[in-house]
Each structure stands twice: as C-alpha cells, then as structure tokens.
Amino acid sequence: MPFTILFAILFAKIKGYKISYLFKSWTIYPIILAEIVLIFFQMTVFFNIYYFIQFSNINKLIHLMLFLVPFFIFKLYKAGLIGSISIVIGTAMNKFVMLQNGGKMPVFPTLSKFTGYYKPGAFDKAQSIHILGSSSTNFKIFSDYIDLGYSILSVGDLFVHFFAFVIIFYTIKALNIEKSKITSQNGE
C-alpha cells in the first residue's frame, strides 16, 4: 500500500491541498508504522524468509483497521462508505477467483522474477493461499497478475487499496478545511 498512499498524497497535491498538514496530525503515524511492518514482511521474502507470511492476514486486518483512526477522528463517513463498498467488491472478486481455482489465488509473476521477489517453489515453502498460475487457471483476469516487482496484485486488491486512497485523500482534505477554518477565525 505504500504506492496507494503516495498516489493519494499526489492526487491531493494536484487538487491544491497542503500535504504538510497530514504529517502534523498524529492520525497518519499508526498507518505509517503499519506500512513499515508491511514493507518488512515483503522484504523478508527477498531473502527466502517465509516465516512472516503466516502473519500476513493479521497484518492486513490491523492495517485496514488503522485507517479507521482518521475515519472516526475526521468523520469521513461518506469516504468510508465508498471505501468500504470498494473493499467488499475487491474481496468478492478475490474470493470468486479463489473458489474457481480450488480455494487458491493464482499468481502470474513477471517483473518479480527479475527482482527476485518470486522464486520457483516459493509458494510451496510459504504454504500460502497462493499458487502459480497456469494455462488451466480459471478467470485469469481476477487473479494476481499486476506485478510491481515487490508485490503481485489482483484487480480485487486494487479495489481494496482504493479504500486506503480514499481515506488518505479525504484526511488531507479534512485537515486543510480544518486549518482554513482556524485561520479564518483568527483573522489571518
């Protein structure tokens, strides 16, 4: 999700919002900490350490829950609803393709083969819900094929990541509105 957050920040900047307010708010730091943990988990795979994969579902859940901090603090109910619908759609897409492929998520590594993130036999070592995709994979369009070199995503994953994008963008917007109100009340 690091790129998702960066895209949200870039989008907010393009829209003319001041980004520095985000980093002056404590609400972003639990999310940043979770991002660091996620990056650590992903980096261990480069070194053939698959121990942390068993915690990936817990990490994902905690990670998503941390986005509820700005959601509640800034009352981002509309953004949260949009993001939640996006999560439901993305999760349904992922579950659908897994059901069509024996309960496993097919993965089609491309760039990850060159970066070293994917290594032959890695799915067997990791004992995860992922399998290497093949010509017999059903509904390839919903499988993990969007290869970033350090992570391989599905279209469903992009919908899930959209939740983070929406929450970060609307947090920046809320902080800008809040700062604007304070400035106008002080007569500046």
Foldseek 3Di string as FASTA:
>chain_A
DVVLLVVLLVVLVVVPFDSVLVVVDPLCVVLVVLVVVVVVQLVVLLVVDLVCVVCVVVSVVVNVVSLVSLCVVLVVPVLLVQLVVLLVVLVVLQQVQCVQPVNAAEAADDLLVVLSSDDPPSCVVNVDSYDHDDPPRPPVQQGFYCYPNSDTHHVSVVSNSVSVSSSSNVSSVSSRVVVVVVCVVVVD
